[in-house]
Amino acid sequence: MSFVCPELDVTYDEVYTELAQALELTFEEASKRFSPDDAV
């Protein structure tokens, strides 16, 4: 989660946070449902 995603230049924590908000999920649900590559 603290690593920076090179494609989006944000941390994976930020990727999962934004994705969770967009899909109306909790952070935990998003991180369990999607692999890092799929989340990006």
PDB file of all heavy atoms in Angstrom:
ATOM      1  N   MET A   1       0.811  -1.222   0.000  1.00  0.00           N
ATOM      2  CA  MET A   1       0.000   0.000   0.000  1.00  0.00           C
ATOM      3  C   MET A   1       0.837   1.262   0.000  1.00  0.00           C
ATOM      4  O   MET A   1       0.393   2.303  -0.472  1.00  0.00           O
ATOM      5  CB  MET A   1      -0.951   0.008   1.196  1.00  0.00           C
ATOM      6  CG  MET A   1      -1.999  -1.053   1.132  1.00  0.00           C
ATOM      7  SD  MET A   1      -2.986  -0.886  -0.355  1.00  0.00           S
ATOM      8  CE  MET A   1      -4.131  -2.186  -0.124  1.00  0.00           C
ATOM      9  N   SER A   2       2.059   1.195   0.509  1.00  0.00           N
ATOM     10  CA  SER A   2       2.898   2.396   0.548  1.00  0.00           C
ATOM     11  C   SER A   2       3.719   2.564  -0.725  1.00  0.00           C
ATOM     12  O   SER A   2       4.330   3.610  -0.936  1.00  0.00           O
ATOM     13  CB  SER A   2       3.825   2.361   1.765  1.00  0.00           C
ATOM     14  OG  SER A   2       4.723   1.268   1.651  1.00  0.00           O
ATOM     15  N   PHE A   3       3.734   1.557  -1.609  1.00  0.00           N
ATOM     16  CA  PHE A   3       4.465   1.666  -2.863  1.00  0.00           C
ATOM     17  C   PHE A   3       3.730   2.598  -3.813  1.00  0.00           C
ATOM     18  O   PHE A   3       2.512   2.677  -3.817  1.00  0.00           O
ATOM     19  CB  PHE A   3       4.605   0.309  -3.544  1.00  0.00           C
ATOM     20  CG  PHE A   3       5.514  -0.661  -2.829  1.00  0.00           C
ATOM     21  CD1 PHE A   3       5.492  -1.996  -3.154  1.00  0.00           C
ATOM     22  CD2 PHE A   3       6.383  -0.258  -1.829  1.00  0.00           C
ATOM     23  CE1 PHE A   3       6.313  -2.906  -2.515  1.00  0.00           C
ATOM     24  CE2 PHE A   3       7.201  -1.146  -1.182  1.00  0.00           C
ATOM     25  CZ  PHE A   3       7.168  -2.478  -1.526  1.00  0.00           C
ATOM     26  N   VAL A   4       4.497   3.285  -4.648  1.00  0.00           N
ATOM     27  CA  VAL A   4       3.908   4.190  -5.630  1.00  0.00           C
ATOM     28  C   VAL A   4       3.624   3.408  -6.906  1.00  0.00           C
ATOM     29  O   VAL A   4       4.485   2.708  -7.425  1.00  0.00           O
ATOM     30  CB  VAL A   4       4.847   5.374  -5.922  1.00  0.00           C
ATOM     31  CG1 VAL A   4       4.326   6.221  -7.069  1.00  0.00           C
ATOM     32  CG2 VAL A   4       5.040   6.218  -4.677  1.00  0.00           C
ATOM     33  N   CYS A   5       2.400   3.547  -7.378  1.00  0.00           N
ATOM     34  CA  CYS A   5       2.004   2.935  -8.645  1.00  0.00           C
ATOM     35  C   CYS A   5       2.595   3.789  -9.763  1.00  0.00           C
ATOM     36  O   CYS A   5       2.243   4.963  -9.893  1.00  0.00           O
ATOM     37  CB  CYS A   5       0.480   2.896  -8.739  1.00  0.00           C
ATOM     38  SG  CYS A   5      -0.120   2.482 -10.365  1.00  0.00           S
ATOM     39  N   PRO A   6       3.492   3.238 -10.583  1.00  0.00           N
ATOM     40  CA  PRO A   6       4.152   4.062 -11.601  1.00  0.00           C
ATOM     41  C   PRO A   6       3.207   4.611 -12.678  1.00  0.00           C
ATOM     42  O   PRO A   6       3.444   5.687 -13.212  1.00  0.00           O
ATOM     43  CB  PRO A   6       5.191   3.115 -12.216  1.00  0.00           C
ATOM     44  CG  PRO A   6       4.799   1.744 -11.809  1.00  0.00           C
ATOM     45  CD  PRO A   6       3.957   1.862 -10.579  1.00  0.00           C
ATOM     46  N   GLU A   7       2.128   3.894 -12.967  1.00  0.00           N
ATOM     47  CA  GLU A   7       1.208   4.352 -14.014  1.00  0.00           C
ATOM     48  C   GLU A   7       0.421   5.591 -13.610  1.00  0.00           C
ATOM     49  O   GLU A   7       0.090   6.425 -14.441  1.00  0.00           O
ATOM     50  CB  GLU A   7       0.225   3.241 -14.370  1.00  0.00           C
ATOM     51  CG  GLU A   7       0.839   2.082 -15.094  1.00  0.00           C
ATOM     52  CD  GLU A   7      -0.192   1.041 -15.446  1.00  0.00           C
ATOM     53  OE1 GLU A   7      -1.105   1.358 -16.235  1.00  0.00           O
ATOM     54  OE2 GLU A   7      -0.093  -0.078 -14.913  1.00  0.00           O
ATOM     55  N   LEU A   8       0.087   5.686 -12.318  1.00  0.00           N
ATOM     56  CA  LEU A   8      -0.756   6.793 -11.865  1.00  0.00           C
ATOM     57  C   LEU A   8      -0.012   7.775 -10.958  1.00  0.00           C
ATOM     58  O   LEU A   8      -0.545   8.818 -10.601  1.00  0.00           O
ATOM     59  CB  LEU A   8      -1.977   6.246 -11.114  1.00  0.00           C
ATOM     60  CG  LEU A   8      -2.884   5.323 -11.916  1.00  0.00           C
ATOM     61  CD1 LEU A   8      -3.964   4.731 -11.023  1.00  0.00           C
ATOM     62  CD2 LEU A   8      -3.507   6.066 -13.069  1.00  0.00           C
ATOM     63  N   ASP A   9       1.203   7.438 -10.582  1.00  0.00           N
ATOM     64  CA  ASP A   9       2.043   8.276  -9.719  1.00  0.00           C
ATOM     65  C   ASP A   9       1.369   8.591  -8.382  1.00  0.00           C
ATOM     66  O   ASP A   9       1.434   9.717  -7.893  1.00  0.00           O
ATOM     67  CB  ASP A   9       2.445   9.564 -10.446  1.00  0.00           C
ATOM     68  CG  ASP A   9       3.678  10.199  -9.810  1.00  0.00           C
ATOM     69  OD1 ASP A   9       4.508   9.463  -9.247  1.00  0.00           O
ATOM     70  OD2 ASP A   9       3.791  11.443  -9.864  1.00  0.00           O
ATOM     71  N   VAL A  10       0.669   7.611  -7.835  1.00  0.00           N
ATOM     72  CA  VAL A  10       0.092   7.694  -6.496  1.00  0.00           C
ATOM     73  C   VAL A  10       0.359   6.364  -5.799  1.00  0.00           C
ATOM     74  O   VAL A  10       0.685   5.369  -6.453  1.00  0.00           O
ATOM     75  CB  VAL A  10      -1.437   7.966  -6.516  1.00  0.00           C
ATOM     76  CG1 VAL A  10      -1.736   9.319  -7.113  1.00  0.00           C
ATOM     77  CG2 VAL A  10      -2.179   6.870  -7.246  1.00  0.00           C
ATOM     78  N   THR A  11       0.220   6.320  -4.492  1.00  0.00           N
ATOM     79  CA  THR A  11       0.434   5.066  -3.777  1.00  0.00           C
ATOM     80  C   THR A  11      -0.742   4.129  -4.017  1.00  0.00           C
ATOM     81  O   THR A  11      -1.836   4.566  -4.378  1.00  0.00           O
ATOM     82  CB  THR A  11       0.580   5.290  -2.260  1.00  0.00           C
ATOM     83  OG1 THR A  11      -0.651   5.816  -1.758  1.00  0.00           O
ATOM     84  CG2 THR A  11       1.734   6.227  -1.938  1.00  0.00           C
ATOM     85  N   TYR A  12      -0.501   2.860  -3.803  1.00  0.00           N
ATOM     86  CA  TYR A  12      -1.582   1.887  -3.957  1.00  0.00           C
ATOM     87  C   TYR A  12      -2.680   2.134  -2.928  1.00  0.00           C
ATOM     88  O   TYR A  12      -3.855   1.859  -3.185  1.00  0.00           O
ATOM     89  CB  TYR A  12      -1.053   0.457  -3.874  1.00  0.00           C
ATOM     90  CG  TYR A  12      -0.407   0.027  -5.166  1.00  0.00           C
ATOM     91  CD1 TYR A  12       0.971   0.080  -5.326  1.00  0.00           C
ATOM     92  CD2 TYR A  12      -1.183  -0.401  -6.229  1.00  0.00           C
ATOM     93  CE1 TYR A  12       1.556  -0.297  -6.524  1.00  0.00           C
ATOM     94  CE2 TYR A  12      -0.603  -0.775  -7.431  1.00  0.00           C
ATOM     95  CZ  TYR A  12       0.770  -0.714  -7.577  1.00  0.00           C
ATOM     96  OH  TYR A  12       1.337  -1.075  -8.769  1.00  0.00           O
ATOM     97  N   ASP A  13      -2.329   2.688  -1.786  1.00  0.00           N
ATOM     98  CA  ASP A  13      -3.338   3.065  -0.807  1.00  0.00           C
ATOM     99  C   ASP A  13      -4.300   4.084  -1.412  1.00  0.00           C
ATOM    100  O   ASP A  13      -5.524   3.965  -1.273  1.00  0.00           O
ATOM    101  CB  ASP A  13      -2.663   3.642   0.452  1.00  0.00           C
ATOM    102  CG  ASP A  13      -3.655   3.975   1.531  1.00  0.00           C
ATOM    103  OD1 ASP A  13      -4.267   3.033   2.078  1.00  0.00           O
ATOM    104  OD2 ASP A  13      -3.836   5.177   1.815  1.00  0.00           O
ATOM    105  N   GLU A  14      -3.757   5.054  -2.122  1.00  0.00           N
ATOM    106  CA  GLU A  14      -4.594   6.066  -2.773  1.00  0.00           C
ATOM    107  C   GLU A  14      -5.406   5.466  -3.919  1.00  0.00           C
ATOM    108  O   GLU A  14      -6.556   5.860  -4.138  1.00  0.00           O
ATOM    109  CB  GLU A  14      -3.730   7.225  -3.279  1.00  0.00           C
ATOM    110  CG  GLU A  14      -3.082   8.018  -2.155  1.00  0.00           C
ATOM    111  CD  GLU A  14      -2.026   8.996  -2.645  1.00  0.00           C
ATOM    112  OE1 GLU A  14      -1.180   8.596  -3.464  1.00  0.00           O
ATOM    113  OE2 GLU A  14      -2.054  10.149  -2.192  1.00  0.00           O
ATOM    114  N   VAL A  15      -4.816   4.498  -4.628  1.00  0.00           N
ATOM    115  CA  VAL A  15      -5.545   3.820  -5.710  1.00  0.00           C
ATOM    116  C   VAL A  15      -6.778   3.136  -5.144  1.00  0.00           C
ATOM    117  O   VAL A  15      -7.899   3.319  -5.634  1.00  0.00           O
ATOM    118  CB  VAL A  15      -4.647   2.790  -6.437  1.00  0.00           C
ATOM    119  CG1 VAL A  15      -5.478   1.891  -7.349  1.00  0.00           C
ATOM    120  CG2 VAL A  15      -3.550   3.480  -7.228  1.00  0.00           C
ATOM    121  N   TYR A  16      -6.585   2.342  -4.086  1.00  0.00           N
ATOM    122  CA  TYR A  16      -7.705   1.609  -3.499  1.00  0.00           C
ATOM    123  C   TYR A  16      -8.721   2.543  -2.841  1.00  0.00           C
ATOM    124  O   TYR A  16      -9.914   2.295  -2.901  1.00  0.00           O
ATOM    125  CB  TYR A  16      -7.212   0.571  -2.489  1.00  0.00           C
ATOM    126  CG  TYR A  16      -6.713  -0.688  -3.145  1.00  0.00           C
ATOM    127  CD1 TYR A  16      -5.358  -0.984  -3.196  1.00  0.00           C
ATOM    128  CD2 TYR A  16      -7.598  -1.589  -3.725  1.00  0.00           C
ATOM    129  CE1 TYR A  16      -4.896  -2.141  -3.799  1.00  0.00           C
ATOM    130  CE2 TYR A  16      -7.145  -2.751  -4.337  1.00  0.00           C
ATOM    131  CZ  TYR A  16      -5.800  -3.022  -4.364  1.00  0.00           C
ATOM    132  OH  TYR A  16      -5.370  -4.169  -4.976  1.00  0.00           O
ATOM    133  N   THR A  17      -8.263   3.634  -2.259  1.00  0.00           N
ATOM    134  CA  THR A  17      -9.179   4.602  -1.639  1.00  0.00           C
ATOM    135  C   THR A  17     -10.081   5.237  -2.695  1.00  0.00           C
ATOM    136  O   THR A  17     -11.306   5.290  -2.538  1.00  0.00           O
ATOM    137  CB  THR A  17      -8.394   5.692  -0.891  1.00  0.00           C
ATOM    138  OG1 THR A  17      -7.610   5.069   0.139  1.00  0.00           O
ATOM    139  CG2 THR A  17      -9.317   6.723  -0.278  1.00  0.00           C
ATOM    140  N   GLU A  18      -9.491   5.711  -3.800  1.00  0.00           N
ATOM    141  CA  GLU A  18     -10.282   6.344  -4.859  1.00  0.00           C
ATOM    142  C   GLU A  18     -11.208   5.334  -5.539  1.00  0.00           C
ATOM    143  O   GLU A  18     -12.364   5.640  -5.837  1.00  0.00           O
ATOM    144  CB  GLU A  18      -9.354   6.981  -5.888  1.00  0.00           C
ATOM    145  CG  GLU A  18     -10.082   7.793  -6.934  1.00  0.00           C
ATOM    146  CD  GLU A  18      -9.163   8.504  -7.906  1.00  0.00           C
ATOM    147  OE1 GLU A  18      -7.977   8.706  -7.598  1.00  0.00           O
ATOM    148  OE2 GLU A  18      -9.654   8.858  -8.997  1.00  0.00           O
ATOM    149  N   LEU A  19     -10.696   4.121  -5.765  1.00  0.00           N
ATOM    150  CA  LEU A  19     -11.514   3.084  -6.386  1.00  0.00           C
ATOM    151  C   LEU A  19     -12.692   2.717  -5.494  1.00  0.00           C
ATOM    152  O   LEU A  19     -13.818   2.567  -5.975  1.00  0.00           O
ATOM    153  CB  LEU A  19     -10.665   1.848  -6.695  1.00  0.00           C
ATOM    154  CG  LEU A  19     -11.370   0.706  -7.415  1.00  0.00           C
ATOM    155  CD1 LEU A  19     -11.862   1.165  -8.787  1.00  0.00           C
ATOM    156  CD2 LEU A  19     -10.436  -0.484  -7.552  1.00  0.00           C
ATOM    157  N   ALA A  20     -12.448   2.609  -4.218  1.00  0.00           N
ATOM    158  CA  ALA A  20     -13.526   2.278  -3.271  1.00  0.00           C
ATOM    159  C   ALA A  20     -14.605   3.354  -3.298  1.00  0.00           C
ATOM    160  O   ALA A  20     -15.805   3.047  -3.323  1.00  0.00           O
ATOM    161  CB  ALA A  20     -12.969   2.112  -1.861  1.00  0.00           C
ATOM    162  N   GLN A  21     -14.205   4.610  -3.320  1.00  0.00           N
ATOM    163  CA  GLN A  21     -15.178   5.704  -3.379  1.00  0.00           C
ATOM    164  C   GLN A  21     -15.970   5.658  -4.677  1.00  0.00           C
ATOM    165  O   GLN A  21     -17.182   5.848  -4.685  1.00  0.00           O
ATOM    166  CB  GLN A  21     -14.478   7.055  -3.242  1.00  0.00           C
ATOM    167  CG  GLN A  21     -13.937   7.313  -1.861  1.00  0.00           C
ATOM    168  CD  GLN A  21     -13.097   8.584  -1.810  1.00  0.00           C
ATOM    169  OE1 GLN A  21     -12.730   9.147  -2.833  1.00  0.00           O
ATOM    170  NE2 GLN A  21     -12.785   9.030  -0.606  1.00  0.00           N
ATOM    171  N   ALA A  22     -15.280   5.408  -5.784  1.00  0.00           N
ATOM    172  CA  ALA A  22     -15.947   5.385  -7.085  1.00  0.00           C
ATOM    173  C   ALA A  22     -16.955   4.245  -7.182  1.00  0.00           C
ATOM    174  O   ALA A  22     -18.015   4.401  -7.790  1.00  0.00           O
ATOM    175  CB  ALA A  22     -14.915   5.252  -8.199  1.00  0.00           C
ATOM    176  N   LEU A  23     -16.638   3.111  -6.579  1.00  0.00           N
ATOM    177  CA  LEU A  23     -17.512   1.947  -6.663  1.00  0.00           C
ATOM    178  C   LEU A  23     -18.426   1.804  -5.456  1.00  0.00           C
ATOM    179  O   LEU A  23     -19.152   0.823  -5.335  1.00  0.00           O
ATOM    180  CB  LEU A  23     -16.668   0.672  -6.817  1.00  0.00           C
ATOM    181  CG  LEU A  23     -15.785   0.620  -8.056  1.00  0.00           C
ATOM    182  CD1 LEU A  23     -14.939  -0.641  -8.050  1.00  0.00           C
ATOM    183  CD2 LEU A  23     -16.617   0.695  -9.318  1.00  0.00           C
ATOM    184  N   GLU A  24     -18.377   2.800  -4.577  1.00  0.00           N
ATOM    185  CA  GLU A  24     -19.188   2.804  -3.356  1.00  0.00           C
ATOM    186  C   GLU A  24     -18.965   1.538  -2.541  1.00  0.00           C
ATOM    187  O   GLU A  24     -19.894   0.856  -2.120  1.00  0.00           O
ATOM    188  CB  GLU A  24     -20.665   3.009  -3.690  1.00  0.00           C
ATOM    189  CG  GLU A  24     -20.929   4.343  -4.355  1.00  0.00           C
ATOM    190  CD  GLU A  24     -22.381   4.561  -4.738  1.00  0.00           C
ATOM    191  OE1 GLU A  24     -23.194   3.629  -4.603  1.00  0.00           O
ATOM    192  OE2 GLU A  24     -22.686   5.677  -5.185  1.00  0.00           O
ATOM    193  N   LEU A  25     -17.684   1.218  -2.324  1.00  0.00           N
ATOM    194  CA  LEU A  25     -17.255   0.099  -1.505  1.00  0.00           C
ATOM    195  C   LEU A  25     -16.438   0.636  -0.340  1.00  0.00           C
ATOM    196  O   LEU A  25     -16.023   1.793  -0.352  1.00  0.00           O
ATOM    197  CB  LEU A  25     -16.353  -0.854  -2.309  1.00  0.00           C
ATOM    198  CG  LEU A  25     -16.911  -1.513  -3.556  1.00  0.00           C
ATOM    199  CD1 LEU A  25     -15.795  -2.227  -4.305  1.00  0.00           C
ATOM    200  CD2 LEU A  25     -18.005  -2.493  -3.175  1.00  0.00           C
ATOM    201  N   THR A  26     -16.181  -0.215   0.638  1.00  0.00           N
ATOM    202  CA  THR A  26     -15.225   0.166   1.670  1.00  0.00           C
ATOM    203  C   THR A  26     -13.827  -0.115   1.130  1.00  0.00           C
ATOM    204  O   THR A  26     -13.653  -0.872   0.173  1.00  0.00           O
ATOM    205  CB  THR A  26     -15.432  -0.639   2.970  1.00  0.00           C
ATOM    206  OG1 THR A  26     -15.150  -2.022   2.706  1.00  0.00           O
ATOM    207  CG2 THR A  26     -16.841  -0.466   3.514  1.00  0.00           C
ATOM    208  N   PHE A  27     -12.849   0.473   1.762  1.00  0.00           N
ATOM    209  CA  PHE A  27     -11.461   0.251   1.367  1.00  0.00           C
ATOM    210  C   PHE A  27     -11.130  -1.238   1.439  1.00  0.00           C
ATOM    211  O   PHE A  27     -10.492  -1.793   0.547  1.00  0.00           O
ATOM    212  CB  PHE A  27     -10.532   1.049   2.289  1.00  0.00           C
ATOM    213  CG  PHE A  27      -9.075   0.870   1.992  1.00  0.00           C
ATOM    214  CD1 PHE A  27      -8.445   1.708   1.089  1.00  0.00           C
ATOM    215  CD2 PHE A  27      -8.333  -0.137   2.600  1.00  0.00           C
ATOM    216  CE1 PHE A  27      -7.098   1.552   0.809  1.00  0.00           C
ATOM    217  CE2 PHE A  27      -6.996  -0.299   2.315  1.00  0.00           C
ATOM    218  CZ  PHE A  27      -6.373   0.545   1.420  1.00  0.00           C
ATOM    219  N   GLU A  28     -11.580  -1.878   2.499  1.00  0.00           N
ATOM    220  CA  GLU A  28     -11.297  -3.301   2.698  1.00  0.00           C
ATOM    221  C   GLU A  28     -11.926  -4.154   1.591  1.00  0.00           C
ATOM    222  O   GLU A  28     -11.298  -5.085   1.087  1.00  0.00           O
ATOM    223  CB  GLU A  28     -11.802  -3.769   4.069  1.00  0.00           C
ATOM    224  CG  GLU A  28     -11.038  -3.202   5.242  1.00  0.00           C
ATOM    225  CD  GLU A  28     -11.364  -1.738   5.551  1.00  0.00           C
ATOM    226  OE1 GLU A  28     -12.461  -1.255   5.151  1.00  0.00           O
ATOM    227  OE2 GLU A  28     -10.521  -1.066   6.161  1.00  0.00           O
ATOM    228  N   GLU A  29     -13.156  -3.841   1.221  1.00  0.00           N
ATOM    229  CA  GLU A  29     -13.822  -4.592   0.147  1.00  0.00           C
ATOM    230  C   GLU A  29     -13.067  -4.435  -1.168  1.00  0.00           C
ATOM    231  O   GLU A  29     -12.870  -5.405  -1.898  1.00  0.00           O
ATOM    232  CB  GLU A  29     -15.262  -4.125  -0.027  1.00  0.00           C
ATOM    233  CG  GLU A  29     -16.187  -4.495   1.100  1.00  0.00           C
ATOM    234  CD  GLU A  29     -17.553  -3.841   0.977  1.00  0.00           C
ATOM    235  OE1 GLU A  29     -17.632  -2.697   0.460  1.00  0.00           O
ATOM    236  OE2 GLU A  29     -18.528  -4.465   1.400  1.00  0.00           O
ATOM    237  N   ALA A  30     -12.661  -3.220  -1.471  1.00  0.00           N
ATOM    238  CA  ALA A  30     -11.944  -2.968  -2.726  1.00  0.00           C
ATOM    239  C   ALA A  30     -10.606  -3.690  -2.738  1.00  0.00           C
ATOM    240  O   ALA A  30     -10.232  -4.294  -3.743  1.00  0.00           O
ATOM    241  CB  ALA A  30     -11.742  -1.474  -2.934  1.00  0.00           C
ATOM    242  N   SER A  31      -9.886  -3.649  -1.626  1.00  0.00           N
ATOM    243  CA  SER A  31      -8.567  -4.283  -1.591  1.00  0.00           C
ATOM    244  C   SER A  31      -8.669  -5.804  -1.629  1.00  0.00           C
ATOM    245  O   SER A  31      -7.760  -6.474  -2.114  1.00  0.00           O
ATOM    246  CB  SER A  31      -7.764  -3.822  -0.376  1.00  0.00           C
ATOM    247  OG  SER A  31      -8.415  -4.160   0.816  1.00  0.00           O
ATOM    248  N   LYS A  32      -9.764  -6.355  -1.148  1.00  0.00           N
ATOM    249  CA  LYS A  32      -9.954  -7.811  -1.226  1.00  0.00           C
ATOM    250  C   LYS A  32     -10.457  -8.238  -2.604  1.00  0.00           C
ATOM    251  O   LYS A  32     -10.100  -9.287  -3.105  1.00  0.00           O
ATOM    252  CB  LYS A  32     -10.952  -8.274  -0.163  1.00  0.00           C
ATOM    253  CG  LYS A  32     -10.390  -8.263   1.236  1.00  0.00           C
ATOM    254  CD  LYS A  32     -11.418  -8.721   2.234  1.00  0.00           C
ATOM    255  CE  LYS A  32     -10.876  -8.608   3.655  1.00  0.00           C
ATOM    256  NZ  LYS A  32     -11.896  -8.974   4.643  1.00  0.00           N
ATOM    257  N   ARG A  33     -11.285  -7.408  -3.217  1.00  0.00           N
ATOM    258  CA  ARG A  33     -11.916  -7.776  -4.485  1.00  0.00           C
ATOM    259  C   ARG A  33     -10.971  -7.656  -5.674  1.00  0.00           C
ATOM    260  O   ARG A  33     -11.058  -8.425  -6.626  1.00  0.00           O
ATOM    261  CB  ARG A  33     -13.144  -6.900  -4.724  1.00  0.00           C
ATOM    262  CG  ARG A  33     -13.937  -7.330  -5.953  1.00  0.00           C
ATOM    263  CD  ARG A  33     -15.151  -6.486  -6.185  1.00  0.00           C
ATOM    264  NE  ARG A  33     -16.109  -6.653  -5.115  1.00  0.00           N
ATOM    265  CZ  ARG A  33     -17.283  -6.032  -5.088  1.00  0.00           C
ATOM    266  NH1 ARG A  33     -17.613  -5.214  -6.072  1.00  0.00           N
ATOM    267  NH2 ARG A  33     -18.110  -6.219  -4.082  1.00  0.00           N
ATOM    268  N   PHE A  34     -10.067  -6.669  -5.652  1.00  0.00           N
ATOM    269  CA  PHE A  34      -9.231  -6.386  -6.810  1.00  0.00           C
ATOM    270  C   PHE A  34      -7.754  -6.562  -6.501  1.00  0.00           C
ATOM    271  O   PHE A  34      -7.256  -6.035  -5.509  1.00  0.00           O
ATOM    272  CB  PHE A  34      -9.466  -4.960  -7.309  1.00  0.00           C
ATOM    273  CG  PHE A  34     -10.895  -4.661  -7.631  1.00  0.00           C
ATOM    274  CD1 PHE A  34     -11.647  -3.831  -6.820  1.00  0.00           C
ATOM    275  CD2 PHE A  34     -11.500  -5.217  -8.747  1.00  0.00           C
ATOM    276  CE1 PHE A  34     -12.970  -3.554  -7.100  1.00  0.00           C
ATOM    277  CE2 PHE A  34     -12.820  -4.950  -9.044  1.00  0.00           C
ATOM    278  CZ  PHE A  34     -13.561  -4.120  -8.222  1.00  0.00           C
ATOM    279  N   SER A  35      -7.057  -7.246  -7.393  1.00  0.00           N
ATOM    280  CA  SER A  35      -5.597  -7.324  -7.296  1.00  0.00           C
ATOM    281  C   SER A  35      -5.044  -5.932  -7.595  1.00  0.00           C
ATOM    282  O   SER A  35      -5.739  -5.100  -8.192  1.00  0.00           O
ATOM    283  CB  SER A  35      -5.060  -8.339  -8.296  1.00  0.00           C
ATOM    284  OG  SER A  35      -5.225  -7.854  -9.616  1.00  0.00           O
ATOM    285  N   PRO A  36      -3.803  -5.650  -7.221  1.00  0.00           N
ATOM    286  CA  PRO A  36      -3.247  -4.319  -7.512  1.00  0.00           C
ATOM    287  C   PRO A  36      -3.315  -3.933  -8.995  1.00  0.00           C
ATOM    288  O   PRO A  36      -3.708  -2.812  -9.331  1.00  0.00           O
ATOM    289  CB  PRO A  36      -1.807  -4.420  -7.016  1.00  0.00           C
ATOM    290  CG  PRO A  36      -1.884  -5.426  -5.915  1.00  0.00           C
ATOM    291  CD  PRO A  36      -2.898  -6.436  -6.378  1.00  0.00           C
ATOM    292  N   ASP A  37      -2.965  -4.858  -9.883  1.00  0.00           N
ATOM    293  CA  ASP A  37      -3.018  -4.537 -11.316  1.00  0.00           C
ATOM    294  C   ASP A  37      -4.445  -4.268 -11.784  1.00  0.00           C
ATOM    295  O   ASP A  37      -4.697  -3.359 -12.573  1.00  0.00           O
ATOM    296  CB  ASP A  37      -2.406  -5.663 -12.147  1.00  0.00           C
ATOM    297  CG  ASP A  37      -0.897  -5.739 -11.996  1.00  0.00           C
ATOM    298  OD1 ASP A  37      -0.288  -4.738 -11.571  1.00  0.00           O
ATOM    299  OD2 ASP A  37      -0.336  -6.800 -12.317  1.00  0.00           O
ATOM    300  N   ASP A  38      -5.369  -5.076 -11.299  1.00  0.00           N
ATOM    301  CA  ASP A  38      -6.778  -4.897 -11.671  1.00  0.00           C
ATOM    302  C   ASP A  38      -7.326  -3.591 -11.097  1.00  0.00           C
ATOM    303  O   ASP A  38      -8.098  -2.893 -11.750  1.00  0.00           O
ATOM    304  CB  ASP A  38      -7.607  -6.084 -11.184  1.00  0.00           C
ATOM    305  CG  ASP A  38      -8.982  -6.140 -11.824  1.00  0.00           C
ATOM    306  OD1 ASP A  38      -9.139  -5.617 -12.951  1.00  0.00           O
ATOM    307  OD2 ASP A  38      -9.896  -6.704 -11.197  1.00  0.00           O
ATOM    308  N   ALA A  39      -6.911  -3.257  -9.886  1.00  0.00           N
ATOM    309  CA  ALA A  39      -7.365  -2.006  -9.270  1.00  0.00           C
ATOM    310  C   ALA A  39      -6.894  -0.803 -10.075  1.00  0.00           C
ATOM    311  O   ALA A  39      -7.651   0.143 -10.299  1.00  0.00           O
ATOM    312  CB  ALA A  39      -6.863  -1.907  -7.827  1.00  0.00           C
ATOM    313  N   VAL A  40      -5.658  -0.848 -10.548  1.00  0.00           N
ATOM    314  CA  VAL A  40      -5.118   0.255 -11.362  1.00  0.00           C
ATOM    315  C   VAL A  40      -5.898   0.371 -12.662  1.00  0.00           C
ATOM    316  O   VAL A  40      -6.308   1.464 -13.063  1.00  0.00           O
ATOM    317  CB  VAL A  40      -3.611   0.062 -11.629  1.00  0.00           C
ATOM    318  CG1 VAL A  40      -3.108   1.047 -12.681  1.00  0.00           C
ATOM    319  CG2 VAL A  40      -2.823   0.220 -10.344  1.00  0.00           C
TER     320      VAL A  40
END
